[in-house]
C-alpha atoms as a PDB file:
ATOM      1  CA  UNK A   1       5.026  12.551  10.158  1.00  0.00           C
ATOM      2  CA  UNK A   2       4.689  11.605  12.982  1.00  0.00           C
ATOM      3  CA  UNK A   3       3.653   8.706  14.855  1.00  0.00           C
ATOM      4  CA  UNK A   4       1.654   8.204  17.931  1.00  0.00           C
ATOM      5  CA  UNK A   5      -0.763   5.883  19.797  1.00  0.00           C
ATOM      6  CA  UNK A   6      -4.286   6.352  20.066  1.00  0.00           C
ATOM      7  CA  UNK A   7      -5.950   4.697  23.549  1.00  0.00           C
ATOM      8  CA  UNK A   8      -8.979   2.595  23.159  1.00  0.00           C
ATOM      9  CA  UNK A   9     -11.260   1.204  25.681  1.00  0.00           C
ATOM     10  CA  UNK A  10     -11.895  -2.571  23.075  1.00  0.00           C
ATOM     11  CA  UNK A  11      -8.445  -4.392  24.752  1.00  0.00           C
ATOM     12  CA  UNK A  12      -8.512  -6.586  21.843  1.00  0.00           C
ATOM     13  CA  UNK A  13      -7.473  -3.337  20.166  1.00  0.00           C
ATOM     14  CA  UNK A  14      -5.709  -0.592  19.516  1.00  0.00           C
ATOM     15  CA  UNK A  15      -5.726   2.193  17.195  1.00  0.00           C
ATOM     16  CA  UNK A  16      -1.896   4.086  15.530  1.00  0.00           C
ATOM     17  CA  UNK A  17      -2.360   7.543  13.860  1.00  0.00           C
ATOM     18  CA  UNK A  18      -0.288   8.209  11.092  1.00  0.00           C
ATOM     19  CA  UNK A  19       0.503  12.513  10.147  1.00  0.00           C
ATOM     20  CA  UNK A  20       1.743  13.129   7.464  1.00  0.00           C
ATOM     21  CA  UNK A  21       2.859  16.903   7.284  1.00  0.00           C
ATOM     22  CA  UNK A  22       4.076  18.825   5.113  1.00  0.00           C
ATOM     23  CA  UNK A  23       7.899  19.020   4.725  1.00  0.00           C
ATOM     24  CA  UNK A  24       9.550  22.472   3.937  1.00  0.00           C
ATOM     25  CA  UNK A  25      11.184  20.999   0.680  1.00  0.00           C
ATOM     26  CA  UNK A  26       8.129  20.256  -1.216  1.00  0.00           C
ATOM     27  CA  UNK A  27       6.480  22.948  -3.356  1.00  0.00           C
ATOM     28  CA  UNK A  28       3.413  24.852  -1.647  1.00  0.00           C
ATOM     29  CA  UNK A  29      -0.025  24.142  -3.880  1.00  0.00           C
ATOM     30  CA  UNK A  30      -3.813  24.604  -2.893  1.00  0.00           C
ATOM     31  CA  UNK A  31      -4.532  21.743  -5.175  1.00  0.00           C
ATOM     32  CA  UNK A  32      -2.941  19.335  -2.274  1.00  0.00           C
ATOM     33  CA  UNK A  33      -3.188  18.896   1.585  1.00  0.00           C
ATOM     34  CA  UNK A  34      -0.827  20.172   4.302  1.00  0.00           C
ATOM     35  CA  UNK A  35      -0.719  17.246   6.422  1.00  0.00           C
ATOM     36  CA  UNK A  36      -3.353  14.254   6.630  1.00  0.00           C
ATOM     37  CA  UNK A  37      -3.963  12.328   9.971  1.00  0.00           C
ATOM     38  CA  UNK A  38      -4.771   8.284   9.574  1.00  0.00           C
ATOM     39  CA  UNK A  39      -6.120   6.348  12.223  1.00  0.00           C
ATOM     40  CA  UNK A  40      -5.229   2.734  12.258  1.00  0.00           C
ATOM     41  CA  UNK A  41      -7.001  -0.247  14.057  1.00  0.00           C
ATOM     42  CA  UNK A  42      -5.015  -2.629  14.361  1.00  0.00           C
ATOM     43  CA  UNK A  43      -6.455  -6.054  16.033  1.00  0.00           C
ATOM     44  CA  UNK A  44      -4.101  -7.821  18.880  1.00  0.00           C
ATOM     45  CA  UNK A  45      -3.138 -11.083  18.227  1.00  0.00           C
ATOM     46  CA  UNK A  46      -5.064 -11.443  15.046  1.00  0.00           C
ATOM     47  CA  UNK A  47      -3.627 -12.164  11.684  1.00  0.00           C
ATOM     48  CA  UNK A  48      -1.105 -10.938   9.602  1.00  0.00           C
ATOM     49  CA  UNK A  49      -3.273  -8.402   7.769  1.00  0.00           C
ATOM     50  CA  UNK A  50      -4.829  -6.536  10.790  1.00  0.00           C
ATOM     51  CA  UNK A  51      -1.613  -5.215  11.440  1.00  0.00           C
ATOM     52  CA  UNK A  52       0.835  -2.246   9.737  1.00  0.00           C
ATOM     53  CA  UNK A  53       3.954  -3.557   9.171  1.00  0.00           C
ATOM     54  CA  UNK A  54       6.570  -0.903   8.688  1.00  0.00           C
ATOM     55  CA  UNK A  55       6.899  -1.755   4.609  1.00  0.00           C
ATOM     56  CA  UNK A  56       3.445   0.047   4.638  1.00  0.00           C
ATOM     57  CA  UNK A  57       4.975   4.254   6.360  1.00  0.00           C
ATOM     58  CA  UNK A  58       7.856   3.646   4.205  1.00  0.00           C
ATOM     59  CA  UNK A  59       5.283   3.262   0.938  1.00  0.00           C
ATOM     60  CA  UNK A  60       3.408   6.024   2.564  1.00  0.00           C
ATOM     61  CA  UNK A  61       5.921   8.794   3.013  1.00  0.00           C
ATOM     62  CA  UNK A  62       6.684   7.812  -0.455  1.00  0.00           C
ATOM     63  CA  UNK A  63       3.828   8.709  -1.928  1.00  0.00           C
ATOM     64  CA  UNK A  64       3.030  11.750   0.705  1.00  0.00           C
ATOM     65  CA  UNK A  65       5.973  13.380  -1.128  1.00  0.00           C
ATOM     66  CA  UNK A  66       4.609  12.882  -4.454  1.00  0.00           C
ATOM     67  CA  UNK A  67       1.049  13.885  -3.471  1.00  0.00           C
ATOM     68  CA  UNK A  68       0.656  16.764  -6.132  1.00  0.00           C
ATOM     69  CA  UNK A  69       0.995  13.580  -8.380  1.00  0.00           C
ATOM     70  CA  UNK A  70      -1.891  11.686  -6.965  1.00  0.00           C
ATOM     71  CA  UNK A  71      -5.425  13.782  -7.713  1.00  0.00           C
ATOM     72  CA  UNK A  72      -7.429  11.906  -9.441  1.00  0.00           C
ATOM     73  CA  UNK A  73      -5.293   8.975 -10.346  1.00  0.00           C
ATOM     74  CA  UNK A  74      -6.557   5.487 -10.880  1.00  0.00           C
ATOM     75  CA  UNK A  75      -4.786   3.418  -7.968  1.00  0.00           C
ATOM     76  CA  UNK A  76      -5.522   0.265  -6.951  1.00  0.00           C
ATOM     77  CA  UNK A  77      -3.404  -1.645  -3.652  1.00  0.00           C
ATOM     78  CA  UNK A  78      -2.624  -5.245  -3.471  1.00  0.00           C
ATOM     79  CA  UNK A  79      -2.942  -7.272  -0.120  1.00  0.00           C
ATOM     80  CA  UNK A  80      -4.294  -3.756   1.393  1.00  0.00           C
ATOM     81  CA  UNK A  81      -4.684  -5.019   5.120  1.00  0.00           C
ATOM     82  CA  UNK A  82      -4.835  -2.116   7.345  1.00  0.00           C
ATOM     83  CA  UNK A  83      -4.884  -0.233   3.765  1.00  0.00           C
ATOM     84  CA  UNK A  84      -2.180   2.820   4.967  1.00  0.00           C
ATOM     85  CA  UNK A  85      -0.911   3.843   1.500  1.00  0.00           C
ATOM     86  CA  UNK A  86      -4.165   3.121   0.237  1.00  0.00           C
ATOM     87  CA  UNK A  87      -6.266   5.371   2.019  1.00  0.00           C
ATOM     88  CA  UNK A  88      -3.638   8.114   2.148  1.00  0.00           C
ATOM     89  CA  UNK A  89      -3.634   8.589  -1.792  1.00  0.00           C
ATOM     90  CA  UNK A  90      -7.167   8.436  -1.537  1.00  0.00           C
ATOM     91  CA  UNK A  91      -6.921  11.496   1.149  1.00  0.00           C
ATOM     92  CA  UNK A  92      -4.436  13.401  -1.694  1.00  0.00           C
ATOM     93  CA  UNK A  93      -7.315  12.840  -3.792  1.00  0.00           C
ATOM     94  CA  UNK A  94      -6.673   9.905  -5.668  1.00  0.00           C
ATOM     95  CA  UNK A  95      -9.758   6.852  -7.465  1.00  0.00           C
ATOM     96  CA  UNK A  96      -8.182   4.334  -5.143  1.00  0.00           C
ATOM     97  CA  UNK A  97      -9.443   0.591  -5.058  1.00  0.00           C
ATOM     98  CA  UNK A  98      -8.456  -1.267  -1.489  1.00  0.00           C
ATOM     99  CA  UNK A  99      -8.300  -5.511  -2.473  1.00  0.00           C
ATOM    100  CA  UNK A 100      -7.096  -8.493  -0.828  1.00  0.00           C
ATOM    101  CA  UNK A 101      -7.466 -12.098  -1.291  1.00  0.00           C
ATOM    102  CA  UNK A 102     -10.569 -13.332  -2.067  1.00  0.00           C
ATOM    103  CA  UNK A 103     -10.434 -16.091   0.366  1.00  0.00           C
ATOM    104  CA  UNK A 104     -10.076 -13.652   3.177  1.00  0.00           C
ATOM    105  CA  UNK A 105     -13.010 -12.154   4.159  1.00  0.00           C
ATOM    106  CA  UNK A 106     -12.146 -10.800   7.321  1.00  0.00           C
ATOM    107  CA  UNK A 107      -9.399  -8.866   5.800  1.00  0.00           C
ATOM    108  CA  UNK A 108     -12.231  -7.262   3.551  1.00  0.00           C
ATOM    109  CA  UNK A 109     -13.926  -6.162   6.898  1.00  0.00           C
ATOM    110  CA  UNK A 110     -11.142  -4.844   8.182  1.00  0.00           C
ATOM    111  CA  UNK A 111     -10.492  -2.843   5.205  1.00  0.00           C
ATOM    112  CA  UNK A 112     -13.480  -1.343   5.103  1.00  0.00           C
ATOM    113  CA  UNK A 113     -13.320  -0.636   9.379  1.00  0.00           C
ATOM    114  CA  UNK A 114     -10.170   0.743   8.108  1.00  0.00           C
ATOM    115  CA  UNK A 115     -11.894   2.862   5.247  1.00  0.00           C
ATOM    116  CA  UNK A 116     -14.510   4.309   7.727  1.00  0.00           C
ATOM    117  CA  UNK A 117     -12.157   5.246  10.763  1.00  0.00           C
ATOM    118  CA  UNK A 118     -11.480   7.455   8.300  1.00  0.00           C
ATOM    119  CA  UNK A 119     -14.272   8.946   6.960  1.00  0.00           C
ATOM    120  CA  UNK A 120     -13.374   7.443   3.400  1.00  0.00           C
ATOM    121  CA  UNK A 121     -17.344   5.266   2.360  1.00  0.00           C
ATOM    122  CA  UNK A 122     -16.443   1.884   0.506  1.00  0.00           C
ATOM    123  CA  UNK A 123     -18.223   1.721  -2.227  1.00  0.00           C
ATOM    124  CA  UNK A 124     -18.185   5.830  -2.479  1.00  0.00           C
ATOM    125  CA  UNK A 125     -15.421   7.192  -1.719  1.00  0.00           C
ATOM    126  CA  UNK A 126     -13.522   4.203  -2.645  1.00  0.00           C
ATOM    127  CA  UNK A 127     -13.674   0.823  -3.464  1.00  0.00           C
ATOM    128  CA  UNK A 128     -12.919  -2.305  -1.540  1.00  0.00           C
ATOM    129  CA  UNK A 129     -13.194  -5.521  -3.284  1.00  0.00           C
ATOM    130  CA  UNK A 130     -11.811  -8.780  -2.686  1.00  0.00           C
ATOM    131  CA  UNK A 131      -9.215 -10.598  -5.470  1.00  0.00           C
ATOM    132  CA  UNK A 132      -8.271 -14.135  -6.215  1.00  0.00           C
ATOM    133  CA  UNK A 133      -4.477 -14.128  -7.031  1.00  0.00           C
ATOM    134  CA  UNK A 134      -2.824 -16.223  -9.602  1.00  0.00           C
ATOM    135  CA  UNK A 135      -6.794 -16.588 -10.966  1.00  0.00           C
ATOM    136  CA  UNK A 136      -7.752 -13.971 -14.185  1.00  0.00           C
ATOM    137  CA  UNK A 137     -11.390 -14.507 -12.371  1.00  0.00           C
ATOM    138  CA  UNK A 138     -14.328 -12.013 -12.698  1.00  0.00           C
ATOM    139  CA  UNK A 139     -13.074 -10.019  -9.965  1.00  0.00           C
ATOM    140  CA  UNK A 140      -9.951  -9.470 -11.867  1.00  0.00           C
ATOM    141  CA  UNK A 141     -11.482  -8.318 -15.096  1.00  0.00           C
ATOM    142  CA  UNK A 142     -13.829  -6.082 -13.529  1.00  0.00           C
ATOM    143  CA  UNK A 143     -11.416  -3.760 -11.972  1.00  0.00           C
ATOM    144  CA  UNK A 144     -11.416  -0.269 -14.751  1.00  0.00           C
ATOM    145  CA  UNK A 145      -8.280   1.399 -15.741  1.00  0.00           C
ATOM    146  CA  UNK A 146      -5.734   1.255 -13.508  1.00  0.00           C
ATOM    147  CA  UNK A 147      -2.826   3.886 -13.573  1.00  0.00           C
ATOM    148  CA  UNK A 148      -1.042   2.719 -10.858  1.00  0.00           C
ATOM    149  CA  UNK A 149      -0.489  -0.388  -8.909  1.00  0.00           C
ATOM    150  CA  UNK A 150       0.845  -0.068  -4.924  1.00  0.00           C
ATOM    151  CA  UNK A 151       1.822  -3.066  -2.705  1.00  0.00           C
ATOM    152  CA  UNK A 152       3.323  -3.302   0.767  1.00  0.00           C
ATOM    153  CA  UNK A 153       5.638  -6.452   2.080  1.00  0.00           C
ATOM    154  CA  UNK A 154       2.937  -8.507  -0.244  1.00  0.00           C
ATOM    155  CA  UNK A 155       5.897 -10.404  -0.673  1.00  0.00           C
ATOM    156  CA  UNK A 156       6.269 -12.006   2.530  1.00  0.00           C
ATOM    157  CA  UNK A 157       5.220 -15.843   1.825  1.00  0.00           C
ATOM    158  CA  UNK A 158       6.568 -17.758  -1.307  1.00  0.00           C
ATOM    159  CA  UNK A 159       4.257 -19.888  -1.505  1.00  0.00           C
ATOM    160  CA  UNK A 160       1.746 -16.516  -3.498  1.00  0.00           C
ATOM    161  CA  UNK A 161       5.001 -15.094  -4.653  1.00  0.00           C
ATOM    162  CA  UNK A 162       4.119 -16.204  -8.839  1.00  0.00           C
ATOM    163  CA  UNK A 163       0.135 -15.981  -7.403  1.00  0.00           C
ATOM    164  CA  UNK A 164       0.699 -11.988  -7.215  1.00  0.00           C
ATOM    165  CA  UNK A 165       2.856 -11.581 -10.476  1.00  0.00           C
ATOM    166  CA  UNK A 166       0.349 -13.389 -12.593  1.00  0.00           C
ATOM    167  CA  UNK A 167      -1.861 -11.215 -11.342  1.00  0.00           C
ATOM    168  CA  UNK A 168       0.153  -8.218 -12.272  1.00  0.00           C
ATOM    169  CA  UNK A 169       1.270  -9.242 -15.288  1.00  0.00           C
ATOM    170  CA  UNK A 170      -2.129  -9.315 -16.460  1.00  0.00           C
ATOM    171  CA  UNK A 171      -3.455  -5.568 -14.986  1.00  0.00           C
ATOM    172  CA  UNK A 172       0.267  -4.459 -16.011  1.00  0.00           C
ATOM    173  CA  UNK A 173      -0.942  -5.557 -19.737  1.00  0.00           C
ATOM    174  CA  UNK A 174      -4.155  -4.909 -19.997  1.00  0.00           C
ATOM    175  CA  UNK A 175      -3.788  -0.990 -18.722  1.00  0.00           C
ATOM    176  CA  UNK A 176      -0.656   0.302 -20.910  1.00  0.00           C
ATOM    177  CA  UNK A 177       1.778   2.374 -19.086  1.00  0.00           C
ATOM    178  CA  UNK A 178       0.961   1.251 -15.848  1.00  0.00           C
ATOM    179  CA  UNK A 179       3.477   0.496 -12.510  1.00  0.00           C
ATOM    180  CA  UNK A 180       3.241  -1.608  -9.504  1.00  0.00           C
ATOM    181  CA  UNK A 181       4.994   0.069  -7.039  1.00  0.00           C
ATOM    182  CA  UNK A 182       5.700  -2.182  -4.149  1.00  0.00           C
ATOM    183  CA  UNK A 183       7.898  -1.633  -0.219  1.00  0.00           C
ATOM    184  CA  UNK A 184       8.999  -4.928   1.072  1.00  0.00           C
ATOM    185  CA  UNK A 185      11.425  -6.195   3.751  1.00  0.00           C
ATOM    186  CA  UNK A 186      14.128  -8.296   3.326  1.00  0.00           C
ATOM    187  CA  UNK A 187      13.740 -11.606   5.372  1.00  0.00           C
ATOM    188  CA  UNK A 188      15.786 -14.250   3.646  1.00  0.00           C
ATOM    189  CA  UNK A 189      18.614 -14.479   1.058  1.00  0.00           C
ATOM    190  CA  UNK A 190      16.037 -17.584  -0.346  1.00  0.00           C
ATOM    191  CA  UNK A 191      13.602 -15.622  -1.293  1.00  0.00           C
ATOM    192  CA  UNK A 192      13.893 -14.252  -5.032  1.00  0.00           C
ATOM    193  CA  UNK A 193      11.061 -13.332  -7.512  1.00  0.00           C
ATOM    194  CA  UNK A 194      13.788 -12.519  -9.891  1.00  0.00           C
ATOM    195  CA  UNK A 195      12.686 -15.898 -12.275  1.00  0.00           C
ATOM    196  CA  UNK A 196       9.495 -15.379 -11.888  1.00  0.00           C
ATOM    197  CA  UNK A 197       9.754 -11.466 -13.732  1.00  0.00           C
ATOM    198  CA  UNK A 198      11.440 -13.342 -16.538  1.00  0.00           C
ATOM    199  CA  UNK A 199       8.754 -15.575 -16.780  1.00  0.00           C
ATOM    200  CA  UNK A 200       5.988 -13.327 -16.582  1.00  0.00           C
ATOM    201  CA  UNK A 201       7.424 -10.839 -19.028  1.00  0.00           C
ATOM    202  CA  UNK A 202       8.394  -8.312 -15.774  1.00  0.00           C
ATOM    203  CA  UNK A 203      11.220  -6.198 -15.275  1.00  0.00           C
ATOM    204  CA  UNK A 204      11.887  -4.918 -11.388  1.00  0.00           C
ATOM    205  CA  UNK A 205      14.253  -1.479 -10.771  1.00  0.00           C
ATOM    206  CA  UNK A 206      15.064  -0.348  -7.519  1.00  0.00           C
ATOM    207  CA  UNK A 207      13.829   2.916  -6.449  1.00  0.00           C
ATOM    208  CA  UNK A 208      15.906   4.669  -4.277  1.00  0.00           C
ATOM    209  CA  UNK A 209      14.808   6.273  -0.961  1.00  0.00           C
ATOM    210  CA  UNK A 210      17.297   9.173  -0.394  1.00  0.00           C
ATOM    211  CA  UNK A 211      15.468  12.279   1.406  1.00  0.00           C
ATOM    212  CA  UNK A 212      12.411  10.239   2.081  1.00  0.00           C
ATOM    213  CA  UNK A 213      13.324  10.542   5.769  1.00  0.00           C
ATOM    214  CA  UNK A 214      13.121  14.383   5.282  1.00  0.00           C
ATOM    215  CA  UNK A 215      10.697  16.443   7.979  1.00  0.00           C
ATOM    216  CA  UNK A 216       9.922  13.213  10.183  1.00  0.00           C
ATOM    217  CA  UNK A 217      10.356  13.505  13.735  1.00  0.00           C
ATOM    218  CA  UNK A 218      11.514  10.409  14.441  1.00  0.00           C
ATOM    219  CA  UNK A 219      14.575   8.301  13.123  1.00  0.00           C
ATOM    220  CA  UNK A 220      13.868   6.588   9.262  1.00  0.00           C
ATOM    221  CA  UNK A 221      15.761   3.759  11.007  1.00  0.00           C
ATOM    222  CA  UNK A 222      13.176   3.177  14.105  1.00  0.00           C
ATOM    223  CA  UNK A 223      10.111   3.732  11.281  1.00  0.00           C
ATOM    224  CA  UNK A 224      11.645   0.477   9.822  1.00  0.00           C
ATOM    225  CA  UNK A 225      11.481  -1.260  12.514  1.00  0.00           C
ATOM    226  CA  UNK A 226      15.218  -2.300  12.398  1.00  0.00           C
ATOM    227  CA  UNK A 227      14.160  -3.605   9.405  1.00  0.00           C
ATOM    228  CA  UNK A 228      16.049  -3.486   6.391  1.00  0.00           C
ATOM    229  CA  UNK A 229      13.279  -2.026   3.357  1.00  0.00           C
ATOM    230  CA  UNK A 230      13.550  -1.590  -0.344  1.00  0.00           C
ATOM    231  CA  UNK A 231      11.248   0.106  -2.891  1.00  0.00           C
ATOM    232  CA  UNK A 232      10.591  -1.723  -6.144  1.00  0.00           C
ATOM    233  CA  UNK A 233       9.311  -0.655  -9.365  1.00  0.00           C
ATOM    234  CA  UNK A 234       7.940  -3.744 -11.921  1.00  0.00           C
ATOM    235  CA  UNK A 235       6.683  -2.973 -15.596  1.00  0.00           C
ATOM    236  CA  UNK A 236       6.647  -5.086 -18.507  1.00  0.00           C
ATOM    237  CA  UNK A 237       9.590  -5.989 -20.029  1.00  0.00           C
END
């Protein structure tokens, strides 16, 4: 995967280009793309959700290396923000629903802009909707069947940790066999979801990122921005 910046005449915005290319160790298949280019608009001096944080390309790489399994898979992205992993999954043939909190209408609008910039029409090629984390309202009940839930760096504000896990627990109960796969960045040793996992009958397992840097033209450390990033899988206990 390569990363580059694209010039934009709007001084309040920059556009990052992410190119996911075929790795030599991956099997050849006519059913999956050789490469995918994704453009992500980022608003300068804007909110957290208008910037692509290091967790997103790491999750994107993990999905890309398994892209042959994504076709027709029903994927829900939580806290999509700039939506890099979800857009990538859609480009690989998945049926994707991009979501963020209902209290963030500007973020939902930005998700739609990210889709349009990558030739994905909201409501046609991908679904974009707001969710009320922690509240089992119509927005949660109307999602439809889900095979995989994904998220990148959504556990950054401890005040919403339980709201997220309540929503995840409900969705996993409604979709037997589904999993929640997410990347997170270590920020504080005091931040933990262990007790919340037990409370909501969930279990977590670390997923190895070994080999994820294969084919990269930049170092994994640089891609992670010098941070420590982990990949976890949450399922029902």
